[in-house]
Amino acid sequence: MRTIRDARASMPTRHIVGLACIAAASMAVGACGSDDVIGGSGGEGAEGGTAEESGSGSADASGESGSASADAGDSDTTGDDGPISCGLGPGDLPYQEGAYVPQGESRTATREFCTGGFHAVAGAADSVLGVTLVDWPADSVARVRVEDLLGAPLVEWTTMNAGDSVSVSPPLSGEVLVRIEPEDPEAATHDYTLSVACEEGCDFEYTRYPVLLMHGMAGTETYINVLDYWFQLEEVVLPPGFNVQIRVVDAFQSTETRGQQWLVHLEELVTAGIGRKFNLIGHSQGGLDARLVTASPEAAGRVESVVTVAAPHQGTPAADVLDGTFDAFPIGAEIADAVAGVFGGLLGLTGNDLVAQISDFTPEAMVAFNAAYPDVDGVYYASYAGLSCGALDFPCQLGNNGEVVDPLFSIVHGFLLLASGDNDGLVPVESAKWGDYQGTISADHMDEVGQIADVFNPAFDHKAFFLGEIRRLAALGH
């Protein structure tokens, strides 16, 4: 597999605005591109991840090309001293990212003098998309090329007039990039319109950006080295067509340490051409990992959405019990020992190792975490909380599909009911709320991901839940 160091390295030099503008400047060209995302949709273009390299990257490369390129749109092909020549050949023009073109829709963009444009389109692997040049000046011919995220051609340069189409099959579910430029690089500034429609394999499903599942504490590929952490989930989410990635980090580490490991995975996925941005879905500590990754400078522009399931955003009083700081009401040694026994049994840790692992999740520790890793503008955040019921709490069971907390969690569940209200046996409902809160799911903390080996759980179908959540993200355009 071809690999690159970052998204900028995936494009040939001719595709990078800054370098092309420098080349143009060396030929005494007055201007060569625009720093603005074409199509009047800067927000959509910028979120794709490569607009930065294609647009603002020009300013980084030359220091002056930003203002020079702005002059290009004003002066077009005529300057104070007469006609301005582009001086670049076909395929050598710099590019600006325009608006994403969803299936069944069209987008109009403005191609500035001496530039080309590119647009992301998306579809499912094994489907066929038709990309149509709806509008283009009658006195000009367009050149169109479709690429994967590493810049490899899926459709080589093709000449097109208004009304012409090309067909492409995405190698992976998600984005491919459509590049467009005039056959004559000297062509003046003009508008154009692209549309995308599914032609074959239209029943397959996809999200624009891949999904990365982020496991919680005690999990890697497996839960406590026995069962798949995301129990039987792949067999449900992959056949419809979704691009879902599962990676692993240390089962027992601080959120900061795990976050750095997730950042490595994210960069590897970008380098492999799996995606430019990602939808992160995290369970338990994995949800906190997702927030840390998203707020890290290394992941700037790489995260589209964060969905957390039963993540302790405000901490859990059970962690206070373990480190001896719980003081909301008196608790006996039996409760403290029981809480320690539950966590120790779940995690396989005892004594100081157990306290150190859980200390990240005290309410006090989470106040500091939330201050250190705030939400990032432009990223969609959503959350779910787990809600389980005591064995004799029949009203709760009636309202939650008959859900009853696993006996393993019963003591902690009862303690948390007194300390903070409804919970899933480990995390209070109120603590799990973050961003666009979607409500509760009828499950305890292990049932939420199908543990332990929940082949049939009448109260909660974890496979249907996660498939439904991915479909919800798809419907939102993520």
Protein backbone atom coordinates (compact mmCIF):
# COMPACT_ATOMS: atom_id res chain seq x y z
CA MET A 1 0.00 0.00 0.00
CA ARG A 2 1.27 3.45 -0.83
CA THR A 3 1.81 5.56 2.23
CA ILE A 4 2.46 9.24 2.82
CA ARG A 5 3.47 11.31 5.78
CA ASP A 6 0.45 13.58 5.69
CA ALA A 7 -2.41 14.70 3.52
CA ARG A 8 -0.30 17.36 1.76
CA ALA A 9 2.23 14.74 0.66
CA SER A 10 -0.56 12.76 -0.99
CA MET A 11 -0.85 15.34 -3.75
CA PRO A 12 1.68 15.94 -6.53
CA THR A 13 3.47 19.26 -6.25
CA ARG A 14 1.35 20.75 -8.99
CA HIS A 15 -1.72 20.37 -6.79
CA ILE A 16 -0.43 22.54 -3.96
CA VAL A 17 -1.41 26.17 -4.31
CA GLY A 18 1.57 27.61 -2.49
CA LEU A 19 4.19 25.87 -4.63
CA ALA A 20 2.35 26.58 -7.85
CA CYS A 21 1.99 30.25 -6.94
CA ILE A 22 5.72 30.44 -6.24
CA ALA A 23 6.39 28.90 -9.65
CA ALA A 24 4.06 31.38 -11.28
CA ALA A 25 5.68 34.28 -9.45
CA SER A 26 9.10 33.21 -10.70
CA MET A 27 7.75 33.63 -14.23
CA ALA A 28 6.68 37.21 -13.48
CA VAL A 29 3.04 36.24 -13.29
CA GLY A 30 1.06 38.82 -11.36
CA ALA A 31 -1.22 36.26 -9.68
CA CYS A 32 -2.17 32.62 -9.81
CA GLY A 33 -5.03 31.70 -7.52
CA SER A 34 -7.42 32.60 -4.79
CA ASP A 35 -7.11 31.96 -1.10
CA ASP A 36 -10.89 31.65 -0.90
CA VAL A 37 -12.59 28.29 -1.21
CA ILE A 38 -14.42 28.30 -4.51
CA GLY A 39 -18.15 27.96 -4.81
CA GLY A 40 -19.02 30.43 -2.06
CA SER A 41 -19.02 27.63 0.53
CA GLY A 42 -15.88 28.17 2.52
CA GLY A 43 -17.18 26.27 5.53
CA GLU A 44 -17.78 23.07 3.64
CA GLY A 45 -14.55 23.31 1.73
CA ALA A 46 -12.43 24.04 4.74
CA GLU A 47 -13.82 21.14 6.71
CA GLY A 48 -12.58 18.65 4.17
CA GLY A 49 -9.04 18.81 5.46
CA THR A 50 -7.18 19.70 2.28
CA ALA A 51 -8.54 23.17 1.77
CA GLU A 52 -5.93 24.32 4.25
CA GLU A 53 -3.17 22.88 2.12
CA SER A 54 -4.72 24.20 -1.07
CA GLY A 55 -5.71 27.64 0.14
CA SER A 56 -4.07 29.03 3.22
CA GLY A 57 -1.10 26.82 2.47
CA SER A 58 -0.17 29.27 -0.28
CA ALA A 59 0.35 32.00 2.28
CA ASP A 60 2.53 29.68 4.32
CA ALA A 61 4.67 28.88 1.31
CA SER A 62 5.39 32.36 0.03
CA GLY A 63 4.28 34.81 2.67
CA GLU A 64 2.84 37.11 0.02
CA SER A 65 0.88 34.79 -2.20
CA GLY A 66 -2.28 35.28 -0.17
CA SER A 67 -2.60 38.93 -1.19
CA ALA A 68 -1.28 38.17 -4.65
CA SER A 69 -3.86 35.50 -5.25
CA ALA A 70 -6.59 37.80 -4.03
CA ASP A 71 -5.51 40.25 -6.75
CA ALA A 72 -5.95 37.48 -9.31
CA GLY A 73 -9.69 37.37 -8.91
CA ASP A 74 -9.86 41.18 -9.28
CA SER A 75 -7.55 41.60 -12.25
CA ASP A 76 -8.43 38.35 -13.98
CA THR A 77 -6.63 38.35 -17.36
CA THR A 78 -5.95 42.07 -17.65
CA GLY A 79 -3.49 44.12 -15.61
CA ASP A 80 -2.31 47.72 -15.60
CA ASP A 81 0.32 46.90 -18.20
CA GLY A 82 -1.95 44.83 -20.45
CA PRO A 83 -2.94 41.15 -20.62
CA ILE A 84 -1.68 38.84 -17.88
CA SER A 85 -0.61 35.36 -18.88
CA CYS A 86 -1.19 32.38 -16.62
CA GLY A 87 2.05 30.77 -17.79
CA LEU A 88 1.07 27.28 -16.57
CA GLY A 89 0.13 24.28 -18.64
CA PRO A 90 -2.77 21.83 -18.27
CA GLY A 91 -2.38 19.77 -15.12
CA ASP A 92 -0.06 22.33 -13.54
CA LEU A 93 -2.70 24.70 -12.18
CA PRO A 94 -3.11 25.19 -8.43
CA TYR A 95 -6.39 24.01 -6.94
CA GLN A 96 -8.93 25.37 -4.51
CA GLU A 97 -11.36 23.06 -2.70
CA GLY A 98 -14.98 23.85 -3.34
CA ALA A 99 -18.18 22.66 -1.73
CA TYR A 100 -18.90 19.00 -1.09
CA VAL A 101 -21.38 17.66 -3.67
CA PRO A 102 -23.85 15.20 -2.07
CA GLN A 103 -25.50 12.48 -4.11
CA GLY A 104 -28.63 13.70 -5.85
CA GLU A 105 -27.57 17.34 -5.62
CA SER A 106 -25.55 19.89 -7.57
CA ARG A 107 -23.19 22.68 -6.57
CA THR A 108 -22.17 25.81 -8.46
CA ALA A 109 -18.66 27.17 -8.00
CA THR A 110 -16.48 29.93 -9.37
CA ARG A 111 -13.19 28.97 -10.99
CA GLU A 112 -10.75 31.84 -10.71
CA PHE A 113 -8.27 32.72 -13.45
CA CYS A 114 -5.26 30.37 -13.59
CA THR A 115 -6.69 27.91 -11.04
CA GLY A 116 -8.56 24.64 -11.00
CA GLY A 117 -11.10 23.44 -8.51
CA PHE A 118 -11.70 20.21 -6.69
CA HIS A 119 -14.74 18.85 -4.90
CA ALA A 120 -15.32 15.90 -2.62
CA VAL A 121 -18.11 13.51 -3.52
CA ALA A 122 -18.96 10.36 -1.58
CA GLY A 123 -20.49 6.96 -2.06
CA ALA A 124 -20.31 3.35 -0.98
CA ALA A 125 -17.65 0.92 -2.08
CA ASP A 126 -18.95 -1.24 -4.95
CA SER A 127 -21.39 1.47 -6.01
CA VAL A 128 -20.99 3.55 -9.18
CA LEU A 129 -21.36 7.32 -9.12
CA GLY A 130 -22.08 9.51 -12.11
CA VAL A 131 -20.40 12.93 -11.97
CA THR A 132 -22.01 15.36 -14.42
CA LEU A 133 -20.68 18.71 -15.58
CA VAL A 134 -24.06 20.43 -15.56
CA ASP A 135 -22.79 23.83 -16.63
CA TRP A 136 -19.55 25.08 -18.20
CA PRO A 137 -18.93 27.97 -20.65
CA ALA A 138 -19.85 27.01 -24.20
CA ASP A 139 -16.64 28.51 -25.59
CA SER A 140 -14.42 26.41 -23.31
CA VAL A 141 -13.65 22.75 -22.64
CA ALA A 142 -13.15 21.28 -19.18
CA ARG A 143 -10.71 18.62 -18.02
CA VAL A 144 -11.90 16.37 -15.19
CA ARG A 145 -9.99 13.80 -13.13
CA VAL A 146 -11.30 11.70 -10.23
CA GLU A 147 -8.84 10.60 -7.54
CA ASP A 148 -8.73 8.60 -4.35
CA LEU A 149 -7.55 10.31 -1.16
CA LEU A 150 -3.90 9.55 -1.95
CA GLY A 151 -4.13 11.25 -5.34
CA ALA A 152 -4.17 8.05 -7.39
CA PRO A 153 -6.44 8.33 -10.44
CA LEU A 154 -9.76 6.51 -10.47
CA VAL A 155 -10.72 8.30 -13.70
CA GLU A 156 -7.84 9.80 -15.69
CA TRP A 157 -8.05 13.31 -17.15
CA THR A 158 -11.11 13.45 -19.40
CA THR A 159 -12.25 16.35 -21.58
CA MET A 160 -15.86 17.33 -20.93
CA ASN A 161 -18.42 19.85 -22.11
CA ALA A 162 -21.59 20.94 -20.35
CA GLY A 163 -23.88 17.94 -20.00
CA ASP A 164 -21.11 15.31 -20.11
CA SER A 165 -20.62 12.75 -17.33
CA VAL A 166 -17.98 10.37 -16.01
CA SER A 167 -18.58 7.30 -13.85
CA VAL A 168 -16.49 6.26 -10.87
CA SER A 169 -16.61 3.50 -8.26
CA PRO A 170 -15.21 4.50 -4.85
CA PRO A 171 -12.58 1.98 -3.70
CA LEU A 172 -13.70 2.51 -0.09
CA SER A 173 -16.96 3.84 1.26
CA GLY A 174 -16.56 7.56 1.70
CA GLU A 175 -14.99 10.38 -0.26
CA VAL A 176 -13.31 10.59 -3.63
CA LEU A 177 -12.05 13.87 -5.11
CA VAL A 178 -13.11 15.41 -8.42
CA ARG A 179 -10.59 17.81 -9.97
CA ILE A 180 -11.67 20.19 -12.68
CA GLU A 181 -9.80 22.76 -14.78
CA PRO A 182 -10.11 24.41 -18.20
CA GLU A 183 -8.33 22.78 -21.12
CA ASP A 184 -6.97 26.25 -21.84
CA PRO A 185 -5.18 27.50 -18.69
CA GLU A 186 -5.59 31.08 -19.97
CA ALA A 187 -9.40 30.84 -19.72
CA ALA A 188 -10.98 33.70 -17.80
CA THR A 189 -12.78 33.39 -14.46
CA HIS A 190 -16.17 31.69 -14.79
CA ASP A 191 -18.82 29.70 -12.92
CA TYR A 192 -19.51 26.01 -13.36
CA THR A 193 -21.88 23.43 -11.88
CA LEU A 194 -21.30 19.79 -10.93
CA SER A 195 -23.84 17.18 -9.89
CA VAL A 196 -23.51 13.65 -8.53
CA ALA A 197 -25.93 10.74 -8.75
CA CYS A 198 -25.73 7.06 -7.88
CA GLU A 199 -25.89 4.81 -10.96
CA GLU A 200 -25.28 1.30 -9.56
CA GLY A 201 -25.12 -0.35 -6.14
CA CYS A 202 -27.33 2.35 -4.70
CA ASP A 203 -28.60 0.16 -1.87
CA PHE A 204 -25.18 0.16 -0.22
CA GLU A 205 -24.81 2.61 2.66
CA TYR A 206 -22.01 4.99 3.56
CA THR A 207 -20.97 7.91 5.69
CA ARG A 208 -18.97 10.72 4.09
CA TYR A 209 -16.22 10.13 6.64
CA PRO A 210 -15.21 6.73 8.08
CA VAL A 211 -16.24 5.68 11.58
CA LEU A 212 -13.57 4.87 14.16
CA LEU A 213 -14.77 2.84 17.16
CA MET A 214 -12.88 3.65 20.38
CA HIS A 215 -13.06 1.08 23.15
CA GLY A 216 -13.16 1.73 26.87
CA MET A 217 -11.12 0.58 29.84
CA ALA A 218 -10.20 -3.11 30.00
CA GLY A 219 -10.76 -3.49 26.28
CA THR A 220 -8.51 -3.99 23.28
CA GLU A 221 -9.55 -6.28 20.45
CA THR A 222 -11.13 -8.23 23.27
CA TYR A 223 -12.73 -7.53 26.61
CA ILE A 224 -10.54 -8.86 29.45
CA ASN A 225 -8.72 -10.91 26.77
CA VAL A 226 -11.69 -13.20 26.18
CA LEU A 227 -14.46 -11.73 24.03
CA ASP A 228 -14.60 -9.24 21.18
CA TYR A 229 -15.02 -5.85 22.83
CA TRP A 230 -17.48 -4.74 20.14
CA PHE A 231 -19.22 -8.10 20.34
CA GLN A 232 -20.30 -9.30 16.86
CA LEU A 233 -20.63 -5.69 15.72
CA GLU A 234 -18.57 -5.94 12.54
CA GLU A 235 -20.88 -8.57 11.10
CA VAL A 236 -23.75 -6.08 11.33
CA VAL A 237 -22.19 -2.72 10.37
CA LEU A 238 -19.89 -3.80 7.52
CA PRO A 239 -22.24 -5.69 5.14
CA PRO A 240 -24.45 -2.63 4.45
CA GLY A 241 -21.35 -0.86 3.13
CA PHE A 242 -20.18 1.38 5.97
CA ASN A 243 -16.47 2.09 6.40
CA VAL A 244 -15.99 1.25 10.08
CA GLN A 245 -12.50 1.03 11.54
CA ILE A 246 -11.59 -0.72 14.80
CA ARG A 247 -8.23 -0.05 16.41
CA VAL A 248 -6.88 -0.71 19.91
CA VAL A 249 -4.89 1.11 22.58
CA ASP A 250 -3.71 0.09 26.04
CA ALA A 251 -6.50 -1.38 28.12
CA PHE A 252 -5.22 0.20 31.34
CA GLN A 253 -3.75 3.65 30.97
CA SER A 254 -4.63 7.25 31.62
CA THR A 255 -6.82 9.05 29.11
CA GLU A 256 -3.84 11.24 28.18
CA THR A 257 -1.70 8.20 27.34
CA ARG A 258 -4.46 6.45 25.44
CA GLY A 259 -5.24 9.67 23.60
CA GLN A 260 -1.71 9.83 22.23
CA GLN A 261 -2.04 6.25 21.02
CA TRP A 262 -5.32 7.07 19.27
CA LEU A 263 -3.62 10.04 17.58
CA VAL A 264 -1.08 7.65 16.09
CA HIS A 265 -3.90 5.48 14.75
CA LEU A 266 -5.63 8.51 13.29
CA GLU A 267 -2.51 9.61 11.42
CA GLU A 268 -1.98 6.06 10.14
CA LEU A 269 -5.53 5.99 8.79
CA VAL A 270 -5.04 9.32 7.02
CA THR A 271 -1.68 8.20 5.63
CA ALA A 272 -3.24 4.99 4.30
CA GLY A 273 -5.91 6.97 2.46
CA ILE A 274 -8.77 5.60 4.56
CA GLY A 275 -10.20 9.08 5.19
CA ARG A 276 -9.42 12.77 5.57
CA LYS A 277 -11.64 13.15 8.63
CA PHE A 278 -13.35 10.68 10.93
CA ASN A 279 -16.48 10.09 12.98
CA LEU A 280 -15.34 8.95 16.42
CA ILE A 281 -17.66 6.73 18.47
CA GLY A 282 -16.34 6.02 21.97
CA HIS A 283 -17.68 3.82 24.74
CA SER A 284 -16.91 4.63 28.38
CA GLN A 285 -13.30 5.86 28.66
CA GLY A 286 -13.16 5.67 24.86
CA GLY A 287 -15.54 8.63 24.77
CA LEU A 288 -13.12 10.70 26.84
CA ASP A 289 -10.29 9.52 24.59
CA ALA A 290 -12.27 10.80 21.60
CA ARG A 291 -12.72 14.23 23.14
CA LEU A 292 -9.03 14.48 24.00
CA VAL A 293 -8.01 13.48 20.47
CA THR A 294 -10.39 16.01 18.92
CA ALA A 295 -9.06 18.85 21.09
CA SER A 296 -5.41 17.98 20.35
CA PRO A 297 -3.57 20.20 17.84
CA GLU A 298 -2.25 17.11 16.07
CA ALA A 299 -5.81 16.18 15.08
CA ALA A 300 -6.86 19.63 13.85
CA GLY A 301 -9.26 19.19 10.95
CA ARG A 302 -9.26 15.40 11.29
CA VAL A 303 -12.44 14.85 13.33
CA GLU A 304 -15.94 15.34 11.95
CA SER A 305 -17.98 14.13 14.90
CA VAL A 306 -17.67 12.67 18.40
CA VAL A 307 -20.37 10.36 19.77
CA THR A 308 -19.95 9.07 23.31
CA VAL A 309 -21.80 6.19 24.93
CA ALA A 310 -21.81 6.08 28.75
CA ALA A 311 -18.67 8.19 29.05
CA PRO A 312 -18.14 9.73 32.52
CA HIS A 313 -17.84 13.36 31.37
CA GLN A 314 -18.54 14.62 34.89
CA GLY A 315 -16.90 11.68 36.65
CA THR A 316 -18.47 9.01 38.83
CA PRO A 317 -18.81 8.98 42.63
CA ALA A 318 -17.68 5.36 42.55
CA ALA A 319 -14.18 6.63 41.76
CA ASP A 320 -14.35 8.86 44.84
CA VAL A 321 -15.15 5.82 46.94
CA LEU A 322 -12.08 4.01 45.65
CA ASP A 323 -9.68 6.84 46.41
CA GLY A 324 -11.31 7.60 49.75
CA THR A 325 -12.62 11.08 48.96
CA PHE A 326 -16.37 10.43 48.81
CA ASP A 327 -18.05 12.56 51.51
CA ALA A 328 -21.58 13.27 50.27
CA PHE A 329 -22.96 10.92 52.91
CA PRO A 330 -21.50 8.29 55.23
CA ILE A 331 -20.77 4.89 53.70
CA GLY A 332 -19.66 1.80 55.53
CA ALA A 333 -16.68 -0.38 54.87
CA GLU A 334 -18.97 -2.92 53.22
CA ILE A 335 -19.92 -0.46 50.47
CA ALA A 336 -16.32 0.63 49.93
CA ASP A 337 -15.14 -2.98 49.76
CA ALA A 338 -17.96 -3.90 47.41
CA VAL A 339 -17.16 -1.05 45.03
CA ALA A 340 -13.49 -2.01 45.07
CA GLY A 341 -14.43 -5.64 44.49
CA VAL A 342 -16.59 -4.82 41.47
CA PHE A 343 -13.96 -2.67 39.81
CA GLY A 344 -11.21 -5.10 40.74
CA GLY A 345 -13.16 -7.99 39.31
CA LEU A 346 -13.94 -6.13 36.10
CA LEU A 347 -10.46 -4.79 35.55
CA GLY A 348 -8.28 -7.41 37.14
CA LEU A 349 -6.56 -4.74 39.23
CA THR A 350 -6.16 -4.33 42.98
CA GLY A 351 -4.75 -1.90 45.53
CA ASN A 352 -2.83 1.11 44.30
CA ASP A 353 -3.00 -0.04 40.67
CA LEU A 354 -6.78 0.02 40.84
CA VAL A 355 -6.92 3.44 42.53
CA ALA A 356 -4.47 4.90 40.00
CA GLN A 357 -6.52 3.61 37.06
CA ILE A 358 -9.80 4.96 38.42
CA SER A 359 -8.51 8.30 39.72
CA ASP A 360 -8.95 9.92 36.28
CA PHE A 361 -12.70 9.54 36.69
CA THR A 362 -13.42 11.30 39.95
CA PRO A 363 -15.70 14.34 39.55
CA GLU A 364 -12.81 16.58 40.57
CA ALA A 365 -10.46 15.07 37.98
CA MET A 366 -13.08 15.49 35.26
CA VAL A 367 -13.47 19.20 36.04
CA ALA A 368 -9.80 19.59 35.16
CA PHE A 369 -10.12 17.35 32.11
CA ASN A 370 -13.08 19.30 30.73
CA ALA A 371 -11.19 22.56 31.15
CA ALA A 372 -8.11 21.15 29.41
CA TYR A 373 -9.97 19.60 26.47
CA PRO A 374 -12.88 21.84 25.45
CA ASP A 375 -15.11 21.13 22.50
CA VAL A 376 -13.78 22.15 19.09
CA ASP A 377 -15.80 24.50 16.91
CA GLY A 378 -17.21 22.81 13.83
CA VAL A 379 -17.17 19.31 15.33
CA TYR A 380 -20.51 17.64 16.06
CA TYR A 381 -20.72 16.22 19.61
CA ALA A 382 -23.46 13.84 20.73
CA SER A 383 -23.95 11.45 23.64
CA TYR A 384 -26.00 8.60 25.07
CA ALA A 385 -26.33 7.44 28.67
CA GLY A 386 -26.95 3.90 29.88
CA LEU A 387 -29.79 3.32 32.34
CA SER A 388 -30.24 0.07 34.23
CA CYS A 389 -32.71 -0.94 36.92
CA GLY A 390 -32.49 -2.69 40.24
CA ALA A 391 -33.80 -6.23 40.55
CA LEU A 392 -36.85 -5.06 42.52
CA ASP A 393 -37.36 -1.69 40.79
CA PHE A 394 -40.36 -2.77 38.72
CA PRO A 395 -41.45 0.73 37.62
CA CYS A 396 -37.96 1.34 36.21
CA GLN A 397 -37.99 -2.04 34.47
CA LEU A 398 -41.41 -1.34 32.99
CA GLY A 399 -40.13 1.87 31.40
CA ASN A 400 -36.88 0.33 30.17
CA ASN A 401 -37.81 -2.82 28.26
CA GLY A 402 -37.42 -5.02 31.35
CA GLU A 403 -33.76 -4.05 31.83
CA VAL A 404 -32.23 -5.34 35.07
CA VAL A 405 -28.68 -4.53 36.13
CA ASP A 406 -26.25 -7.43 36.05
CA PRO A 407 -25.69 -8.83 39.56
CA LEU A 408 -22.03 -7.88 39.20
CA PHE A 409 -23.05 -4.20 39.26
CA SER A 410 -25.92 -4.38 41.73
CA ILE A 411 -24.10 -2.93 44.77
CA VAL A 412 -22.44 -0.12 42.81
CA HIS A 413 -25.73 0.55 41.00
CA GLY A 414 -27.55 0.93 44.30
CA PHE A 415 -24.84 3.20 45.72
CA LEU A 416 -24.92 5.42 42.61
CA LEU A 417 -28.71 5.68 42.80
CA LEU A 418 -28.27 7.31 46.20
CA ALA A 419 -25.24 9.40 45.21
CA SER A 420 -26.26 10.67 41.77
CA GLY A 421 -29.48 9.08 40.52
CA ASP A 422 -30.10 6.87 37.49
CA ASN A 423 -27.02 5.05 36.18
CA ASP A 424 -25.78 2.03 34.26
CA GLY A 425 -23.95 0.43 37.18
CA LEU A 426 -20.80 2.51 36.74
CA VAL A 427 -21.62 5.88 35.14
CA PRO A 428 -24.46 8.20 36.23
CA VAL A 429 -26.87 9.30 33.51
CA GLU A 430 -26.18 12.96 34.27
CA SER A 431 -22.45 12.40 33.89
CA ALA A 432 -22.84 10.78 30.48
CA LYS A 433 -24.56 13.80 28.92
CA TRP A 434 -22.45 15.81 26.49
CA GLY A 435 -23.20 17.88 23.40
CA ASP A 436 -26.34 16.85 21.51
CA TYR A 437 -27.70 14.49 24.14
CA GLN A 438 -29.71 11.71 22.51
CA GLY A 439 -31.21 10.12 25.63
CA THR A 440 -30.81 6.87 27.54
CA ILE A 441 -30.38 3.32 26.32
CA SER A 442 -31.76 0.47 28.41
CA ALA A 443 -28.52 -1.26 29.31
CA ASP A 444 -25.93 -1.60 32.02
CA HIS A 445 -22.33 -0.66 31.35
CA MET A 446 -21.40 -3.99 29.80
CA ASP A 447 -24.63 -4.59 27.91
CA GLU A 448 -23.98 -1.35 26.04
CA VAL A 449 -21.37 -3.11 23.87
CA GLY A 450 -22.86 -6.61 24.03
CA GLN A 451 -20.89 -7.90 27.01
CA ILE A 452 -20.74 -10.47 28.34
CA ALA A 453 -21.49 -12.27 25.05
CA ASP A 454 -25.00 -10.88 24.72
CA VAL A 455 -26.18 -12.94 21.77
CA PHE A 456 -29.75 -12.23 22.82
CA ASN A 457 -30.68 -9.43 25.19
CA PRO A 458 -34.40 -8.60 25.08
CA ALA A 459 -33.85 -5.26 26.81
CA PHE A 460 -31.20 -3.87 24.47
CA ASP A 461 -29.84 -4.85 21.05
CA HIS A 462 -26.37 -3.29 20.96
CA LYS A 463 -25.83 -4.24 17.31
CA ALA A 464 -29.01 -2.52 16.18
CA PHE A 465 -28.11 0.49 18.31
CA PHE A 466 -24.67 1.07 16.80
CA LEU A 467 -25.91 0.41 13.26
CA GLY A 468 -28.69 2.93 13.86
CA GLU A 469 -26.24 5.50 15.21
CA ILE A 470 -23.99 5.17 12.15
CA ARG A 471 -27.05 5.59 9.94
CA ARG A 472 -27.99 8.70 11.93
CA LEU A 473 -24.54 10.18 11.28
CA ALA A 474 -24.93 9.36 7.60
CA ALA A 475 -28.29 11.12 7.47
CA LEU A 476 -26.71 14.19 9.08
CA GLY A 477 -24.12 14.30 6.32
CA HIS A 478 -21.17 13.23 8.45
